[in-house]
Amino acid sequence: MAELIRGKGARCIGNWTAFMSMMRGLPLAYNRDMQDDKPPLFDTMKVCIDSLV
């Protein structure tokens, strides 16, 4: 079980990297680009919850 959680940790780090790359250089008033941040966030939350339960 610990091996699976360790493997999913890399997926969460990848989602974080994608999120940070998306948010880099965005102007403060333009929120249209921020609609693409939801899938990595929800995927990371699902992985974390599944790993704890």
PDB file of N, CA and C in Angstrom:
ATOM      1  N   MET A   1       0.813  -1.190   0.000  1.00  0.00           N
ATOM      2  CA  MET A   1       0.000   0.000   0.000  1.00  0.00           C
ATOM      3  C   MET A   1       0.864   1.264   0.000  1.00  0.00           C
ATOM      4  N   ALA A   2       1.940   1.254   0.747  1.00  0.00           N
ATOM      5  CA  ALA A   2       2.816   2.430   0.800  1.00  0.00           C
ATOM      6  C   ALA A   2       3.456   2.705  -0.556  1.00  0.00           C
ATOM      7  N   GLU A   3       3.740   1.642  -1.320  1.00  0.00           N
ATOM      8  CA  GLU A   3       4.329   1.827  -2.643  1.00  0.00           C
ATOM      9  C   GLU A   3       3.361   2.542  -3.572  1.00  0.00           C
ATOM     10  N   LEU A   4       2.071   2.226  -3.471  1.00  0.00           N
ATOM     11  CA  LEU A   4       1.071   2.881  -4.309  1.00  0.00           C
ATOM     12  C   LEU A   4       0.947   4.362  -3.955  1.00  0.00           C
ATOM     13  N   ILE A   5       0.970   4.661  -2.674  1.00  0.00           N
ATOM     14  CA  ILE A   5       0.877   6.062  -2.247  1.00  0.00           C
ATOM     15  C   ILE A   5       2.114   6.830  -2.701  1.00  0.00           C
ATOM     16  N   ARG A   6       3.269   6.209  -2.613  1.00  0.00           N
ATOM     17  CA  ARG A   6       4.496   6.866  -3.065  1.00  0.00           C
ATOM     18  C   ARG A   6       4.431   7.146  -4.567  1.00  0.00           C
ATOM     19  N   GLY A   7       3.901   6.216  -5.332  1.00  0.00           N
ATOM     20  CA  GLY A   7       3.763   6.417  -6.772  1.00  0.00           C
ATOM     21  C   GLY A   7       2.775   7.519  -7.107  1.00  0.00           C
ATOM     22  N   LYS A   8       1.704   7.612  -6.335  1.00  0.00           N
ATOM     23  CA  LYS A   8       0.708   8.654  -6.586  1.00  0.00           C
ATOM     24  C   LYS A   8       1.210  10.025  -6.163  1.00  0.00           C
ATOM     25  N   GLY A   9       2.200  10.048  -5.298  1.00  0.00           N
ATOM     26  CA  GLY A   9       2.810  11.313  -4.908  1.00  0.00           C
ATOM     27  C   GLY A   9       3.452  12.018  -6.101  1.00  0.00           C
ATOM     28  N   ALA A  10       4.047  11.244  -6.987  1.00  0.00           N
ATOM     29  CA  ALA A  10       4.642  11.825  -8.192  1.00  0.00           C
ATOM     30  C   ALA A  10       3.570  12.448  -9.078  1.00  0.00           C
ATOM     31  N   ARG A  11       2.398  11.830  -9.120  1.00  0.00           N
ATOM     32  CA  ARG A  11       1.286  12.387  -9.893  1.00  0.00           C
ATOM     33  C   ARG A  11       0.839  13.728  -9.314  1.00  0.00           C
ATOM     34  N   CYS A  12       0.797  13.816  -8.000  1.00  0.00           N
ATOM     35  CA  CYS A  12       0.409  15.071  -7.350  1.00  0.00           C
ATOM     36  C   CYS A  12       1.452  16.155  -7.604  1.00  0.00           C
ATOM     37  N   ILE A  13       2.711  15.794  -7.584  1.00  0.00           N
ATOM     38  CA  ILE A  13       3.770  16.764  -7.878  1.00  0.00           C
ATOM     39  C   ILE A  13       3.662  17.237  -9.326  1.00  0.00           C
ATOM     40  N   GLY A  14       3.333  16.322 -10.232  1.00  0.00           N
ATOM     41  CA  GLY A  14       3.122  16.702 -11.628  1.00  0.00           C
ATOM     42  C   GLY A  14       1.950  17.653 -11.784  1.00  0.00           C
ATOM     43  N   ASN A  15       0.869  17.393 -11.053  1.00  0.00           N
ATOM     44  CA  ASN A  15      -0.279  18.303 -11.093  1.00  0.00           C
ATOM     45  C   ASN A  15       0.084  19.671 -10.540  1.00  0.00           C
ATOM     46  N   TRP A  16       0.876  19.698  -9.490  1.00  0.00           N
ATOM     47  CA  TRP A  16       1.309  20.972  -8.911  1.00  0.00           C
ATOM     48  C   TRP A  16       2.181  21.746  -9.893  1.00  0.00           C
ATOM     49  N   THR A  17       3.078  21.041 -10.585  1.00  0.00           N
ATOM     50  CA  THR A  17       3.937  21.681 -11.576  1.00  0.00           C
ATOM     51  C   THR A  17       3.107  22.258 -12.719  1.00  0.00           C
ATOM     52  N   ALA A  18       2.115  21.501 -13.182  1.00  0.00           N
ATOM     53  CA  ALA A  18       1.234  21.995 -14.241  1.00  0.00           C
ATOM     54  C   ALA A  18       0.464  23.224 -13.768  1.00  0.00           C
ATOM     55  N   PHE A  19      -0.023  23.185 -12.543  1.00  0.00           N
ATOM     56  CA  PHE A  19      -0.761  24.315 -11.984  1.00  0.00           C
ATOM     57  C   PHE A  19       0.111  25.558 -11.882  1.00  0.00           C
ATOM     58  N   MET A  20       1.304  25.402 -11.368  1.00  0.00           N
ATOM     59  CA  MET A  20       2.197  26.545 -11.200  1.00  0.00           C
ATOM     60  C   MET A  20       2.640  27.115 -12.544  1.00  0.00           C
ATOM     61  N   SER A  21       2.823  26.260 -13.540  1.00  0.00           N
ATOM     62  CA  SER A  21       3.169  26.737 -14.881  1.00  0.00           C
ATOM     63  C   SER A  21       2.020  27.523 -15.493  1.00  0.00           C
ATOM     64  N   MET A  22       0.803  27.086 -15.226  1.00  0.00           N
ATOM     65  CA  MET A  22      -0.374  27.776 -15.736  1.00  0.00           C
ATOM     66  C   MET A  22      -0.539  29.156 -15.089  1.00  0.00           C
ATOM     67  N   MET A  23      -0.266  29.247 -13.810  1.00  0.00           N
ATOM     68  CA  MET A  23      -0.482  30.483 -13.070  1.00  0.00           C
ATOM     69  C   MET A  23       0.647  31.494 -13.247  1.00  0.00           C
ATOM     70  N   ARG A  24       1.778  31.032 -13.763  1.00  0.00           N
ATOM     71  CA  ARG A  24       2.938  31.907 -13.917  1.00  0.00           C
ATOM     72  C   ARG A  24       2.639  32.985 -14.954  1.00  0.00           C
ATOM     73  N   GLY A  25       2.839  34.204 -14.590  1.00  0.00           N
ATOM     74  CA  GLY A  25       2.723  35.308 -15.517  1.00  0.00           C
ATOM     75  C   GLY A  25       1.311  35.744 -15.844  1.00  0.00           C
ATOM     76  N   LEU A  26       0.324  35.311 -15.080  1.00  0.00           N
ATOM     77  CA  LEU A  26      -1.042  35.760 -15.345  1.00  0.00           C
ATOM     78  C   LEU A  26      -1.254  37.166 -14.797  1.00  0.00           C
ATOM     79  N   PRO A  27      -1.949  37.996 -15.555  1.00  0.00           N
ATOM     80  CA  PRO A  27      -2.313  39.297 -14.978  1.00  0.00           C
ATOM     81  C   PRO A  27      -3.334  39.116 -13.864  1.00  0.00           C
ATOM     82  N   LEU A  28      -3.438  40.078 -13.001  1.00  0.00           N
ATOM     83  CA  LEU A  28      -4.318  39.946 -11.840  1.00  0.00           C
ATOM     84  C   LEU A  28      -5.799  39.994 -12.188  1.00  0.00           C
ATOM     85  N   ALA A  29      -6.173  40.655 -13.255  1.00  0.00           N
ATOM     86  CA  ALA A  29      -7.587  40.868 -13.530  1.00  0.00           C
ATOM     87  C   ALA A  29      -8.179  39.884 -14.534  1.00  0.00           C
ATOM     88  N   TYR A  30      -7.373  39.040 -15.152  1.00  0.00           N
ATOM     89  CA  TYR A  30      -7.880  38.153 -16.198  1.00  0.00           C
ATOM     90  C   TYR A  30      -8.027  36.747 -15.641  1.00  0.00           C
ATOM     91  N   ASN A  31      -9.258  36.309 -15.396  1.00  0.00           N
ATOM     92  CA  ASN A  31      -9.510  35.019 -14.756  1.00  0.00           C
ATOM     93  C   ASN A  31      -9.855  33.910 -15.737  1.00  0.00           C
ATOM     94  N   ARG A  32      -9.903  34.197 -17.021  1.00  0.00           N
ATOM     95  CA  ARG A  32     -10.301  33.189 -18.008  1.00  0.00           C
ATOM     96  C   ARG A  32      -9.311  32.020 -18.049  1.00  0.00           C
ATOM     97  N   ASP A  33      -8.025  32.313 -17.897  1.00  0.00           N
ATOM     98  CA  ASP A  33      -7.018  31.249 -17.910  1.00  0.00           C
ATOM     99  C   ASP A  33      -7.120  30.348 -16.693  1.00  0.00           C
ATOM    100  N   MET A  34      -7.717  30.846 -15.643  1.00  0.00           N
ATOM    101  CA  MET A  34      -7.772  30.070 -14.406  1.00  0.00           C
ATOM    102  C   MET A  34      -8.824  28.974 -14.442  1.00  0.00           C
ATOM    103  N   GLN A  35      -9.607  28.865 -15.525  1.00  0.00           N
ATOM    104  CA  GLN A  35     -10.582  27.788 -15.600  1.00  0.00           C
ATOM    105  C   GLN A  35      -9.893  26.442 -15.831  1.00  0.00           C
ATOM    106  N   ASP A  36      -8.664  26.448 -16.335  1.00  0.00           N
ATOM    107  CA  ASP A  36      -7.941  25.205 -16.569  1.00  0.00           C
ATOM    108  C   ASP A  36      -7.240  24.682 -15.328  1.00  0.00           C
ATOM    109  N   ASP A  37      -7.307  25.391 -14.216  1.00  0.00           N
ATOM    110  CA  ASP A  37      -6.633  24.915 -13.012  1.00  0.00           C
ATOM    111  C   ASP A  37      -7.481  23.912 -12.237  1.00  0.00           C
ATOM    112  N   LYS A  38      -8.747  23.775 -12.568  1.00  0.00           N
ATOM    113  CA  LYS A  38      -9.634  22.896 -11.794  1.00  0.00           C
ATOM    114  C   LYS A  38      -9.342  21.400 -11.976  1.00  0.00           C
ATOM    115  N   PRO A  39      -9.140  20.890 -13.211  1.00  0.00           N
ATOM    116  CA  PRO A  39      -8.890  19.443 -13.348  1.00  0.00           C
ATOM    117  C   PRO A  39      -7.684  18.938 -12.557  1.00  0.00           C
ATOM    118  N   PRO A  40      -6.505  19.613 -12.608  1.00  0.00           N
ATOM    119  CA  PRO A  40      -5.399  19.114 -11.782  1.00  0.00           C
ATOM    120  C   PRO A  40      -5.696  19.184 -10.280  1.00  0.00           C
ATOM    121  N   LEU A  41      -6.406  20.231  -9.868  1.00  0.00           N
ATOM    122  CA  LEU A  41      -6.749  20.370  -8.452  1.00  0.00           C
ATOM    123  C   LEU A  41      -7.671  19.245  -7.995  1.00  0.00           C
ATOM    124  N   PHE A  42      -8.720  18.984  -8.760  1.00  0.00           N
ATOM    125  CA  PHE A  42      -9.657  17.926  -8.389  1.00  0.00           C
ATOM    126  C   PHE A  42      -8.998  16.551  -8.440  1.00  0.00           C
ATOM    127  N   ASP A  43      -8.106  16.341  -9.420  1.00  0.00           N
ATOM    128  CA  ASP A  43      -7.398  15.058  -9.503  1.00  0.00           C
ATOM    129  C   ASP A  43      -6.505  14.863  -8.286  1.00  0.00           C
ATOM    130  N   THR A  44      -5.806  15.917  -7.881  1.00  0.00           N
ATOM    131  CA  THR A  44      -4.934  15.821  -6.710  1.00  0.00           C
ATOM    132  C   THR A  44      -5.737  15.555  -5.439  1.00  0.00           C
ATOM    133  N   MET A  45      -6.875  16.243  -5.294  1.00  0.00           N
ATOM    134  CA  MET A  45      -7.715  16.019  -4.114  1.00  0.00           C
ATOM    135  C   MET A  45      -8.245  14.582  -4.072  1.00  0.00           C
ATOM    136  N   LYS A  46      -8.638  14.049  -5.228  1.00  0.00           N
ATOM    137  CA  LYS A  46      -9.137  12.668  -5.286  1.00  0.00           C
ATOM    138  C   LYS A  46      -8.044  11.686  -4.904  1.00  0.00           C
ATOM    139  N   VAL A  47      -6.824  11.900  -5.429  1.00  0.00           N
ATOM    140  CA  VAL A  47      -5.701  11.016  -5.107  1.00  0.00           C
ATOM    141  C   VAL A  47      -5.396  11.069  -3.610  1.00  0.00           C
ATOM    142  N   CYS A  48      -5.400  12.272  -3.017  1.00  0.00           N
ATOM    143  CA  CYS A  48      -5.106  12.390  -1.585  1.00  0.00           C
ATOM    144  C   CYS A  48      -6.173  11.716  -0.732  1.00  0.00           C
ATOM    145  N   ILE A  49      -7.414  11.932  -1.073  1.00  0.00           N
ATOM    146  CA  ILE A  49      -8.497  11.326  -0.293  1.00  0.00           C
ATOM    147  C   ILE A  49      -8.479   9.806  -0.424  1.00  0.00           C
ATOM    148  N   ASP A  50      -8.274   9.312  -1.650  1.00  0.00           N
ATOM    149  CA  ASP A  50      -8.214   7.860  -1.866  1.00  0.00           C
ATOM    150  C   ASP A  50      -7.037   7.229  -1.138  1.00  0.00           C
ATOM    151  N   SER A  51      -5.931   7.973  -1.019  1.00  0.00           N
ATOM    152  CA  SER A  51      -4.754   7.430  -0.330  1.00  0.00           C
ATOM    153  C   SER A  51      -4.962   7.364   1.178  1.00  0.00           C
ATOM    154  N   LEU A  52      -5.757   8.289   1.715  1.00  0.00           N
ATOM    155  CA  LEU A  52      -5.983   8.300   3.157  1.00  0.00           C
ATOM    156  C   LEU A  52      -7.080   7.352   3.602  1.00  0.00           C
ATOM    157  N   VAL A  53      -8.001   7.047   2.722  1.00  0.00           N
ATOM    158  CA  VAL A  53      -9.142   6.208   3.107  1.00  0.00           C
ATOM    159  C   VAL A  53      -8.858   4.761   2.870  1.00  0.00           C
TER     160      VAL A  53
END
